[in-house]
Amino acid sequence: MPKRLALADLPPRAAAAREAIAGHARVSVLRFLLDNPGSKRPEIVVGTGVSAGGVRSALSELEALGYVDGDVEAPRRGQRIRYTVNRHALTDDLTAFMAWMLR
């Protein structure tokens, strides 16, 4: 498979938004959490149809990008975490991505 090339002059936060919407699991999790803020991981699995591992991975990636927040700080082992979308960050970065696309 050919190597994916970096997009020229894509601002970092616009690149983060592109990454967030580039995968089915991440988009499904974001969409679900936008409609169901404060959901726990099992609820997200049931609500999205994404596997437990897929949801875990998507949440981790979305938290790292700054688009999802959990209500428990690290270490989280064994704790039930409620997740919510950081609408402000997501909106700002998607707007930056669209501005870059439509320039």
PDB file of N, CA and C in Angstrom:
ATOM      1  N   MET A   1       0.844  -1.170   0.000  1.00  0.00           N
ATOM      2  CA  MET A   1       0.000   0.000   0.000  1.00  0.00           C
ATOM      3  C   MET A   1       0.892   1.236   0.000  1.00  0.00           C
ATOM      4  N   PRO A   2       0.576   2.235  -0.811  1.00  0.00           N
ATOM      5  CA  PRO A   2       1.417   3.438  -0.860  1.00  0.00           C
ATOM      6  C   PRO A   2       1.359   4.210   0.449  1.00  0.00           C
ATOM      7  N   LYS A   3       2.454   4.887   0.759  1.00  0.00           N
ATOM      8  CA  LYS A   3       2.528   5.702   1.970  1.00  0.00           C
ATOM      9  C   LYS A   3       1.617   6.915   1.809  1.00  0.00           C
ATOM     10  N   ARG A   4       0.891   7.246   2.871  1.00  0.00           N
ATOM     11  CA  ARG A   4       0.011   8.401   2.854  1.00  0.00           C
ATOM     12  C   ARG A   4       0.838   9.668   3.001  1.00  0.00           C
ATOM     13  N   LEU A   5       0.650  10.624   2.119  1.00  0.00           N
ATOM     14  CA  LEU A   5       1.400  11.875   2.155  1.00  0.00           C
ATOM     15  C   LEU A   5       0.744  12.870   3.105  1.00  0.00           C
ATOM     16  N   ALA A   6       1.554  13.671   3.752  1.00  0.00           N
ATOM     17  CA  ALA A   6       1.041  14.738   4.617  1.00  0.00           C
ATOM     18  C   ALA A   6       0.366  15.799   3.749  1.00  0.00           C
ATOM     19  N   LEU A   7      -0.690  16.383   4.279  1.00  0.00           N
ATOM     20  CA  LEU A   7      -1.389  17.440   3.554  1.00  0.00           C
ATOM     21  C   LEU A   7      -0.619  18.747   3.725  1.00  0.00           C
ATOM     22  N   ALA A   8      -0.334  19.371   2.613  1.00  0.00           N
ATOM     23  CA  ALA A   8       0.449  20.611   2.631  1.00  0.00           C
ATOM     24  C   ALA A   8      -0.278  21.702   3.399  1.00  0.00           C
ATOM     25  N   ASP A   9       0.439  22.383   4.214  1.00  0.00           N
ATOM     26  CA  ASP A   9       0.007  23.561   4.973  1.00  0.00           C
ATOM     27  C   ASP A   9      -1.259  23.374   5.810  1.00  0.00           C
ATOM     28  N   LEU A  10      -1.571  22.159   6.199  1.00  0.00           N
ATOM     29  CA  LEU A  10      -2.723  21.915   7.065  1.00  0.00           C
ATOM     30  C   LEU A  10      -2.339  22.295   8.498  1.00  0.00           C
ATOM     31  N   PRO A  11      -3.020  23.301   9.090  1.00  0.00           N
ATOM     32  CA  PRO A  11      -2.690  23.716  10.451  1.00  0.00           C
ATOM     33  C   PRO A  11      -2.866  22.553  11.439  1.00  0.00           C
ATOM     34  N   PRO A  12      -2.079  22.530  12.505  1.00  0.00           N
ATOM     35  CA  PRO A  12      -2.117  21.398  13.444  1.00  0.00           C
ATOM     36  C   PRO A  12      -3.497  21.077  14.006  1.00  0.00           C
ATOM     37  N   ARG A  13      -4.247  22.070  14.416  1.00  0.00           N
ATOM     38  CA  ARG A  13      -5.566  21.791  14.991  1.00  0.00           C
ATOM     39  C   ARG A  13      -6.550  21.335  13.915  1.00  0.00           C
ATOM     40  N   ALA A  14      -6.415  21.836  12.707  1.00  0.00           N
ATOM     41  CA  ALA A  14      -7.246  21.341  11.600  1.00  0.00           C
ATOM     42  C   ALA A  14      -6.891  19.895  11.297  1.00  0.00           C
ATOM     43  N   ALA A  15      -5.616  19.557  11.403  1.00  0.00           N
ATOM     44  CA  ALA A  15      -5.170  18.173  11.197  1.00  0.00           C
ATOM     45  C   ALA A  15      -5.755  17.268  12.283  1.00  0.00           C
ATOM     46  N   ALA A  16      -5.847  17.766  13.501  1.00  0.00           N
ATOM     47  CA  ALA A  16      -6.437  16.987  14.591  1.00  0.00           C
ATOM     48  C   ALA A  16      -7.907  16.704  14.308  1.00  0.00           C
ATOM     49  N   ALA A  17      -8.632  17.707  13.819  1.00  0.00           N
ATOM     50  CA  ALA A  17     -10.046  17.517  13.475  1.00  0.00           C
ATOM     51  C   ALA A  17     -10.195  16.499  12.355  1.00  0.00           C
ATOM     52  N   ARG A  18      -9.335  16.564  11.372  1.00  0.00           N
ATOM     53  CA  ARG A  18      -9.375  15.602  10.277  1.00  0.00           C
ATOM     54  C   ARG A  18      -9.143  14.191  10.808  1.00  0.00           C
ATOM     55  N   GLU A  19      -8.193  14.047  11.714  1.00  0.00           N
ATOM     56  CA  GLU A  19      -7.913  12.743  12.313  1.00  0.00           C
ATOM     57  C   GLU A  19      -9.130  12.224  13.070  1.00  0.00           C
ATOM     58  N   ALA A  20      -9.812  13.107  13.785  1.00  0.00           N
ATOM     59  CA  ALA A  20     -10.974  12.703  14.584  1.00  0.00           C
ATOM     60  C   ALA A  20     -12.106  12.175  13.719  1.00  0.00           C
ATOM     61  N   ILE A  21     -12.276  12.728  12.530  1.00  0.00           N
ATOM     62  CA  ILE A  21     -13.394  12.313  11.682  1.00  0.00           C
ATOM     63  C   ILE A  21     -12.971  11.345  10.582  1.00  0.00           C
ATOM     64  N   ALA A  22     -11.740  10.871  10.637  1.00  0.00           N
ATOM     65  CA  ALA A  22     -11.222   9.986   9.590  1.00  0.00           C
ATOM     66  C   ALA A  22     -11.597   8.524   9.793  1.00  0.00           C
ATOM     67  N   GLY A  23     -12.109   8.153  10.943  1.00  0.00           N
ATOM     68  CA  GLY A  23     -12.420   6.758  11.197  1.00  0.00           C
ATOM     69  C   GLY A  23     -13.850   6.563  11.662  1.00  0.00           C
ATOM     70  N   HIS A  24     -14.433   5.437  11.282  1.00  0.00           N
ATOM     71  CA  HIS A  24     -15.823   5.119  11.621  1.00  0.00           C
ATOM     72  C   HIS A  24     -16.049   5.119  13.133  1.00  0.00           C
ATOM     73  N   ALA A  25     -15.179   4.455  13.876  1.00  0.00           N
ATOM     74  CA  ALA A  25     -15.379   4.351  15.323  1.00  0.00           C
ATOM     75  C   ALA A  25     -15.336   5.725  15.986  1.00  0.00           C
ATOM     76  N   ARG A  26     -14.369   6.550  15.624  1.00  0.00           N
ATOM     77  CA  ARG A  26     -14.258   7.881  16.239  1.00  0.00           C
ATOM     78  C   ARG A  26     -15.492   8.735  15.932  1.00  0.00           C
ATOM     79  N   VAL A  27     -15.947   8.704  14.680  1.00  0.00           N
ATOM     80  CA  VAL A  27     -17.130   9.490  14.313  1.00  0.00           C
ATOM     81  C   VAL A  27     -18.357   8.964  15.047  1.00  0.00           C
ATOM     82  N   SER A  28     -18.504   7.646  15.119  1.00  0.00           N
ATOM     83  CA  SER A  28     -19.654   7.060  15.810  1.00  0.00           C
ATOM     84  C   SER A  28     -19.663   7.437  17.285  1.00  0.00           C
ATOM     85  N   VAL A  29     -18.493   7.366  17.927  1.00  0.00           N
ATOM     86  CA  VAL A  29     -18.392   7.715  19.342  1.00  0.00           C
ATOM     87  C   VAL A  29     -18.678   9.199  19.551  1.00  0.00           C
ATOM     88  N   LEU A  30     -18.111  10.058  18.727  1.00  0.00           N
ATOM     89  CA  LEU A  30     -18.390  11.495  18.842  1.00  0.00           C
ATOM     90  C   LEU A  30     -19.872  11.780  18.687  1.00  0.00           C
ATOM     91  N   ARG A  31     -20.474  11.205  17.659  1.00  0.00           N
ATOM     92  CA  ARG A  31     -21.899  11.454  17.391  1.00  0.00           C
ATOM     93  C   ARG A  31     -22.750  10.989  18.570  1.00  0.00           C
ATOM     94  N   PHE A  32     -22.450   9.802  19.094  1.00  0.00           N
ATOM     95  CA  PHE A  32     -23.209   9.280  20.224  1.00  0.00           C
ATOM     96  C   PHE A  32     -23.066  10.187  21.445  1.00  0.00           C
ATOM     97  N   LEU A  33     -21.832  10.593  21.741  1.00  0.00           N
ATOM     98  CA  LEU A  33     -21.604  11.434  22.920  1.00  0.00           C
ATOM     99  C   LEU A  33     -22.196  12.829  22.776  1.00  0.00           C
ATOM    100  N   LEU A  34     -22.275  13.326  21.559  1.00  0.00           N
ATOM    101  CA  LEU A  34     -22.930  14.621  21.364  1.00  0.00           C
ATOM    102  C   LEU A  34     -24.407  14.539  21.738  1.00  0.00           C
ATOM    103  N   ASP A  35     -25.029  13.390  21.460  1.00  0.00           N
ATOM    104  CA  ASP A  35     -26.438  13.184  21.803  1.00  0.00           C
ATOM    105  C   ASP A  35     -26.634  12.662  23.225  1.00  0.00           C
ATOM    106  N   ASN A  36     -25.590  12.057  23.797  1.00  0.00           N
ATOM    107  CA  ASN A  36     -25.696  11.406  25.110  1.00  0.00           C
ATOM    108  C   ASN A  36     -24.503  11.749  26.003  1.00  0.00           C
ATOM    109  N   PRO A  37     -24.355  13.031  26.364  1.00  0.00           N
ATOM    110  CA  PRO A  37     -23.206  13.402  27.195  1.00  0.00           C
ATOM    111  C   PRO A  37     -23.251  12.694  28.543  1.00  0.00           C
ATOM    112  N   GLY A  38     -22.074  12.402  29.073  1.00  0.00           N
ATOM    113  CA  GLY A  38     -21.982  11.740  30.363  1.00  0.00           C
ATOM    114  C   GLY A  38     -22.165  10.234  30.292  1.00  0.00           C
ATOM    115  N   SER A  39     -22.030   9.655  29.103  1.00  0.00           N
ATOM    116  CA  SER A  39     -22.190   8.213  28.941  1.00  0.00           C
ATOM    117  C   SER A  39     -20.938   7.462  29.367  1.00  0.00           C
ATOM    118  N   LYS A  40     -21.170   6.241  29.862  1.00  0.00           N
ATOM    119  CA  LYS A  40     -20.073   5.339  30.213  1.00  0.00           C
ATOM    120  C   LYS A  40     -19.755   4.463  29.004  1.00  0.00           C
ATOM    121  N   ARG A  41     -18.586   3.857  29.027  1.00  0.00           N
ATOM    122  CA  ARG A  41     -18.117   3.055  27.891  1.00  0.00           C
ATOM    123  C   ARG A  41     -19.105   1.961  27.474  1.00  0.00           C
ATOM    124  N   PRO A  42     -19.690   1.174  28.402  1.00  0.00           N
ATOM    125  CA  PRO A  42     -20.643   0.151  27.958  1.00  0.00           C
ATOM    126  C   PRO A  42     -21.857   0.733  27.232  1.00  0.00           C
ATOM    127  N   GLU A  43     -22.295   1.903  27.666  1.00  0.00           N
ATOM    128  CA  GLU A  43     -23.428   2.563  27.002  1.00  0.00           C
ATOM    129  C   GLU A  43     -23.046   2.988  25.585  1.00  0.00           C
ATOM    130  N   ILE A  44     -21.805   3.423  25.417  1.00  0.00           N
ATOM    131  CA  ILE A  44     -21.332   3.841  24.096  1.00  0.00           C
ATOM    132  C   ILE A  44     -21.242   2.637  23.170  1.00  0.00           C
ATOM    133  N   VAL A  45     -20.778   1.507  23.695  1.00  0.00           N
ATOM    134  CA  VAL A  45     -20.688   0.281  22.893  1.00  0.00           C
ATOM    135  C   VAL A  45     -22.075  -0.098  22.382  1.00  0.00           C
ATOM    136  N   VAL A  46     -23.053  -0.141  23.274  1.00  0.00           N
ATOM    137  CA  VAL A  46     -24.416  -0.520  22.891  1.00  0.00           C
ATOM    138  C   VAL A  46     -25.007   0.506  21.924  1.00  0.00           C
ATOM    139  N   GLY A  47     -24.804   1.776  22.211  1.00  0.00           N
ATOM    140  CA  GLY A  47     -25.406   2.843  21.407  1.00  0.00           C
ATOM    141  C   GLY A  47     -24.813   3.019  20.020  1.00  0.00           C
ATOM    142  N   THR A  48     -23.559   2.598  19.849  1.00  0.00           N
ATOM    143  CA  THR A  48     -22.896   2.800  18.556  1.00  0.00           C
ATOM    144  C   THR A  48     -22.771   1.533  17.735  1.00  0.00           C
ATOM    145  N   GLY A  49     -22.778   0.382  18.400  1.00  0.00           N
ATOM    146  CA  GLY A  49     -22.526  -0.863  17.689  1.00  0.00           C
ATOM    147  C   GLY A  49     -21.053  -1.096  17.406  1.00  0.00           C
ATOM    148  N   VAL A  50     -20.197  -0.242  17.924  1.00  0.00           N
ATOM    149  CA  VAL A  50     -18.747  -0.392  17.788  1.00  0.00           C
ATOM    150  C   VAL A  50     -18.288  -1.348  18.884  1.00  0.00           C
ATOM    151  N   SER A  51     -17.327  -2.208  18.579  1.00  0.00           N
ATOM    152  CA  SER A  51     -16.834  -3.169  19.562  1.00  0.00           C
ATOM    153  C   SER A  51     -16.272  -2.458  20.787  1.00  0.00           C
ATOM    154  N   ALA A  52     -16.194  -3.190  21.901  1.00  0.00           N
ATOM    155  CA  ALA A  52     -15.651  -2.617  23.134  1.00  0.00           C
ATOM    156  C   ALA A  52     -14.225  -2.111  22.924  1.00  0.00           C
ATOM    157  N   GLY A  53     -13.418  -2.895  22.212  1.00  0.00           N
ATOM    158  CA  GLY A  53     -12.047  -2.468  21.926  1.00  0.00           C
ATOM    159  C   GLY A  53     -12.007  -1.253  21.026  1.00  0.00           C
ATOM    160  N   GLY A  54     -12.911  -1.203  20.063  1.00  0.00           N
ATOM    161  CA  GLY A  54     -12.985  -0.048  19.167  1.00  0.00           C
ATOM    162  C   GLY A  54     -13.382   1.211  19.904  1.00  0.00           C
ATOM    163  N   VAL A  55     -14.332   1.087  20.819  1.00  0.00           N
ATOM    164  CA  VAL A  55     -14.752   2.237  21.620  1.00  0.00           C
ATOM    165  C   VAL A  55     -13.617   2.682  22.531  1.00  0.00           C
ATOM    166  N   ARG A  56     -12.943   1.734  23.165  1.00  0.00           N
ATOM    167  CA  ARG A  56     -11.817   2.065  24.056  1.00  0.00           C
ATOM    168  C   ARG A  56     -10.748   2.839  23.285  1.00  0.00           C
ATOM    169  N   SER A  57     -10.407   2.330  22.110  1.00  0.00           N
ATOM    170  CA  SER A  57      -9.391   2.981  21.286  1.00  0.00           C
ATOM    171  C   SER A  57      -9.844   4.363  20.825  1.00  0.00           C
ATOM    172  N   ALA A  58     -11.096   4.464  20.363  1.00  0.00           N
ATOM    173  CA  ALA A  58     -11.625   5.749  19.892  1.00  0.00           C
ATOM    174  C   ALA A  58     -11.630   6.775  21.021  1.00  0.00           C
ATOM    175  N   LEU A  59     -12.065   6.369  22.204  1.00  0.00           N
ATOM    176  CA  LEU A  59     -12.088   7.299  23.338  1.00  0.00           C
ATOM    177  C   LEU A  59     -10.690   7.770  23.686  1.00  0.00           C
ATOM    178  N   SER A  60      -9.745   6.863  23.690  1.00  0.00           N
ATOM    179  CA  SER A  60      -8.362   7.221  23.986  1.00  0.00           C
ATOM    180  C   SER A  60      -7.831   8.228  22.970  1.00  0.00           C
ATOM    181  N   GLU A  61      -8.082   7.962  21.692  1.00  0.00           N
ATOM    182  CA  GLU A  61      -7.617   8.867  20.640  1.00  0.00           C
ATOM    183  C   GLU A  61      -8.311  10.217  20.729  1.00  0.00           C
ATOM    184  N   LEU A  62      -9.615  10.212  20.958  1.00  0.00           N
ATOM    185  CA  LEU A  62     -10.365  11.468  21.035  1.00  0.00           C
ATOM    186  C   LEU A  62      -9.979  12.283  22.265  1.00  0.00           C
ATOM    187  N   GLU A  63      -9.675  11.615  23.372  1.00  0.00           N
ATOM    188  CA  GLU A  63      -9.183  12.335  24.552  1.00  0.00           C
ATOM    189  C   GLU A  63      -7.823  12.961  24.267  1.00  0.00           C
ATOM    190  N   ALA A  64      -6.951  12.217  23.615  1.00  0.00           N
ATOM    191  CA  ALA A  64      -5.616  12.734  23.289  1.00  0.00           C
ATOM    192  C   ALA A  64      -5.712  13.945  22.360  1.00  0.00           C
ATOM    193  N   LEU A  65      -6.700  13.956  21.479  1.00  0.00           N
ATOM    194  CA  LEU A  65      -6.887  15.085  20.561  1.00  0.00           C
ATOM    195  C   LEU A  65      -7.577  16.274  21.243  1.00  0.00           C
ATOM    196  N   GLY A  66      -8.142  16.054  22.429  1.00  0.00           N
ATOM    197  CA  GLY A  66      -8.802  17.129  23.173  1.00  0.00           C
ATOM    198  C   GLY A  66     -10.277  17.279  22.876  1.00  0.00           C
ATOM    199  N   TYR A  67     -10.896  16.269  22.262  1.00  0.00           N
ATOM    200  CA  TYR A  67     -12.307  16.368  21.883  1.00  0.00           C
ATOM    201  C   TYR A  67     -13.256  15.668  22.839  1.00  0.00           C
ATOM    202  N   VAL A  68     -12.735  14.793  23.679  1.00  0.00           N
ATOM    203  CA  VAL A  68     -13.558  14.083  24.653  1.00  0.00           C
ATOM    204  C   VAL A  68     -12.883  14.198  26.017  1.00  0.00           C
ATOM    205  N   ASP A  69     -13.705  14.425  27.033  1.00  0.00           N
ATOM    206  CA  ASP A  69     -13.225  14.511  28.404  1.00  0.00           C
ATOM    207  C   ASP A  69     -13.886  13.435  29.240  1.00  0.00           C
ATOM    208  N   GLY A  70     -13.098  12.798  30.120  1.00  0.00           N
ATOM    209  CA  GLY A  70     -13.636  11.868  31.099  1.00  0.00           C
ATOM    210  C   GLY A  70     -13.738  12.575  32.435  1.00  0.00           C
ATOM    211  N   ASP A  71     -14.659  12.098  33.277  1.00  0.00           N
ATOM    212  CA  ASP A  71     -14.868  12.772  34.558  1.00  0.00           C
ATOM    213  C   ASP A  71     -13.956  12.247  35.673  1.00  0.00           C
ATOM    214  N   VAL A  72     -13.032  11.355  35.328  1.00  0.00           N
ATOM    215  CA  VAL A  72     -12.101  10.800  36.306  1.00  0.00           C
ATOM    216  C   VAL A  72     -10.684  11.023  35.793  1.00  0.00           C
ATOM    217  N   GLU A  73      -9.817  11.537  36.663  1.00  0.00           N
ATOM    218  CA  GLU A  73      -8.418  11.748  36.304  1.00  0.00           C
ATOM    219  C   GLU A  73      -7.651  10.433  36.457  1.00  0.00           C
ATOM    220  N   ALA A  74      -6.501  10.347  35.845  1.00  0.00           N
ATOM    221  CA  ALA A  74      -5.643   9.163  35.947  1.00  0.00           C
ATOM    222  C   ALA A  74      -5.122   9.046  37.371  1.00  0.00           C
ATOM    223  N   PRO A  75      -4.868   7.876  37.882  1.00  0.00           N
ATOM    224  CA  PRO A  75      -5.087   6.574  37.256  1.00  0.00           C
ATOM    225  C   PRO A  75      -6.569   6.178  37.330  1.00  0.00           C
ATOM    226  N   ARG A  76      -7.044   5.536  36.286  1.00  0.00           N
ATOM    227  CA  ARG A  76      -8.470   5.237  36.152  1.00  0.00           C
ATOM    228  C   ARG A  76      -8.811   3.767  36.350  1.00  0.00           C
ATOM    229  N   ARG A  77      -7.838   2.954  36.578  1.00  0.00           N
ATOM    230  CA  ARG A  77      -8.049   1.501  36.630  1.00  0.00           C
ATOM    231  C   ARG A  77      -9.241   1.132  37.510  1.00  0.00           C
ATOM    232  N   GLY A  78     -10.225   0.452  36.889  1.00  0.00           N
ATOM    233  CA  GLY A  78     -11.379  -0.049  37.624  1.00  0.00           C
ATOM    234  C   GLY A  78     -12.477   0.964  37.885  1.00  0.00           C
ATOM    235  N   GLN A  79     -12.302   2.188  37.431  1.00  0.00           N
ATOM    236  CA  GLN A  79     -13.308   3.213  37.687  1.00  0.00           C
ATOM    237  C   GLN A  79     -14.258   3.353  36.500  1.00  0.00           C
ATOM    238  N   ARG A  80     -15.493   3.673  36.795  1.00  0.00           N
ATOM    239  CA  ARG A  80     -16.493   3.931  35.752  1.00  0.00           C
ATOM    240  C   ARG A  80     -16.396   5.405  35.369  1.00  0.00           C
ATOM    241  N   ILE A  81     -16.074   5.643  34.117  1.00  0.00           N
ATOM    242  CA  ILE A  81     -15.828   7.002  33.649  1.00  0.00           C
ATOM    243  C   ILE A  81     -16.987   7.452  32.774  1.00  0.00           C
ATOM    244  N   ARG A  82     -17.421   8.658  32.982  1.00  0.00           N
ATOM    245  CA  ARG A  82     -18.457   9.274  32.130  1.00  0.00           C
ATOM    246  C   ARG A  82     -17.737  10.199  31.160  1.00  0.00           C
ATOM    247  N   TYR A  83     -18.085  10.070  29.884  1.00  0.00           N
ATOM    248  CA  TYR A  83     -17.418  10.829  28.829  1.00  0.00           C
ATOM    249  C   TYR A  83     -18.348  11.876  28.240  1.00  0.00           C
ATOM    250  N   THR A  84     -17.764  13.016  27.902  1.00  0.00           N
ATOM    251  CA  THR A  84     -18.488  14.133  27.311  1.00  0.00           C
ATOM    252  C   THR A  84     -17.616  14.756  26.231  1.00  0.00           C
ATOM    253  N   VAL A  85     -18.252  15.235  25.165  1.00  0.00           N
ATOM    254  CA  VAL A  85     -17.530  15.907  24.087  1.00  0.00           C
ATOM    255  C   VAL A  85     -17.212  17.337  24.505  1.00  0.00           C
ATOM    256  N   ASN A  86     -15.998  17.774  24.217  1.00  0.00           N
ATOM    257  CA  ASN A  86     -15.601  19.166  24.407  1.00  0.00           C
ATOM    258  C   ASN A  86     -16.056  19.900  23.139  1.00  0.00           C
ATOM    259  N   ARG A  87     -17.289  20.355  23.148  1.00  0.00           N
ATOM    260  CA  ARG A  87     -17.899  20.955  21.950  1.00  0.00           C
ATOM    261  C   ARG A  87     -17.113  22.162  21.430  1.00  0.00           C
ATOM    262  N   HIS A  88     -16.593  22.945  22.344  1.00  0.00           N
ATOM    263  CA  HIS A  88     -15.856  24.146  21.944  1.00  0.00           C
ATOM    264  C   HIS A  88     -14.615  23.770  21.121  1.00  0.00           C
ATOM    265  N   ALA A  89     -13.821  22.842  21.625  1.00  0.00           N
ATOM    266  CA  ALA A  89     -12.607  22.426  20.916  1.00  0.00           C
ATOM    267  C   ALA A  89     -12.957  21.772  19.584  1.00  0.00           C
ATOM    268  N   LEU A  90     -13.951  20.886  19.589  1.00  0.00           N
ATOM    269  CA  LEU A  90     -14.346  20.202  18.357  1.00  0.00           C
ATOM    270  C   LEU A  90     -14.847  21.194  17.315  1.00  0.00           C
ATOM    271  N   THR A  91     -15.694  22.121  17.723  1.00  0.00           N
ATOM    272  CA  THR A  91     -16.232  23.114  16.789  1.00  0.00           C
ATOM    273  C   THR A  91     -15.130  23.997  16.220  1.00  0.00           C
ATOM    274  N   ASP A  92     -14.247  24.488  17.093  1.00  0.00           N
ATOM    275  CA  ASP A  92     -13.155  25.352  16.630  1.00  0.00           C
ATOM    276  C   ASP A  92     -12.269  24.634  15.613  1.00  0.00           C
ATOM    277  N   ASP A  93     -11.917  23.387  15.920  1.00  0.00           N
ATOM    278  CA  ASP A  93     -10.992  22.668  15.042  1.00  0.00           C
ATOM    279  C   ASP A  93     -11.655  22.206  13.754  1.00  0.00           C
ATOM    280  N   LEU A  94     -12.927  21.804  13.806  1.00  0.00           N
ATOM    281  CA  LEU A  94     -13.635  21.455  12.567  1.00  0.00           C
ATOM    282  C   LEU A  94     -13.806  22.692  11.687  1.00  0.00           C
ATOM    283  N   THR A  95     -14.035  23.833  12.316  1.00  0.00           N
ATOM    284  CA  THR A  95     -14.135  25.092  11.557  1.00  0.00           C
ATOM    285  C   THR A  95     -12.807  25.405  10.888  1.00  0.00           C
ATOM    286  N   ALA A  96     -11.701  25.196  11.593  1.00  0.00           N
ATOM    287  CA  ALA A  96     -10.373  25.418  11.003  1.00  0.00           C
ATOM    288  C   ALA A  96     -10.128  24.460   9.844  1.00  0.00           C
ATOM    289  N   PHE A  97     -10.548  23.216  10.006  1.00  0.00           N
ATOM    290  CA  PHE A  97     -10.387  22.231   8.934  1.00  0.00           C
ATOM    291  C   PHE A  97     -11.209  22.628   7.707  1.00  0.00           C
ATOM    292  N   MET A  98     -12.455  23.032   7.919  1.00  0.00           N
ATOM    293  CA  MET A  98     -13.296  23.429   6.794  1.00  0.00           C
ATOM    294  C   MET A  98     -12.758  24.693   6.127  1.00  0.00           C
ATOM    295  N   ALA A  99     -12.248  25.632   6.914  1.00  0.00           N
ATOM    296  CA  ALA A  99     -11.658  26.843   6.329  1.00  0.00           C
ATOM    297  C   ALA A  99     -10.467  26.483   5.443  1.00  0.00           C
ATOM    298  N   TRP A 100      -9.665  25.521   5.900  1.00  0.00           N
ATOM    299  CA  TRP A 100      -8.525  25.069   5.103  1.00  0.00           C
ATOM    300  C   TRP A 100      -9.017  24.392   3.827  1.00  0.00           C
ATOM    301  N   MET A 101     -10.038  23.567   3.931  1.00  0.00           N
ATOM    302  CA  MET A 101     -10.584  22.861   2.768  1.00  0.00           C
ATOM    303  C   MET A 101     -11.169  23.816   1.726  1.00  0.00           C
ATOM    304  N   LEU A 102     -11.865  24.819   2.201  1.00  0.00           N
ATOM    305  CA  LEU A 102     -12.644  25.687   1.307  1.00  0.00           C
ATOM    306  C   LEU A 102     -11.939  26.974   0.925  1.00  0.00           C
ATOM    307  N   ARG A 103     -10.673  27.092   1.266  1.00  0.00           N
ATOM    308  CA  ARG A 103      -9.958  28.352   1.021  1.00  0.00           C
ATOM    309  C   ARG A 103     -10.027  28.781  -0.414  1.00  0.00           C
TER     310      ARG A 103
END
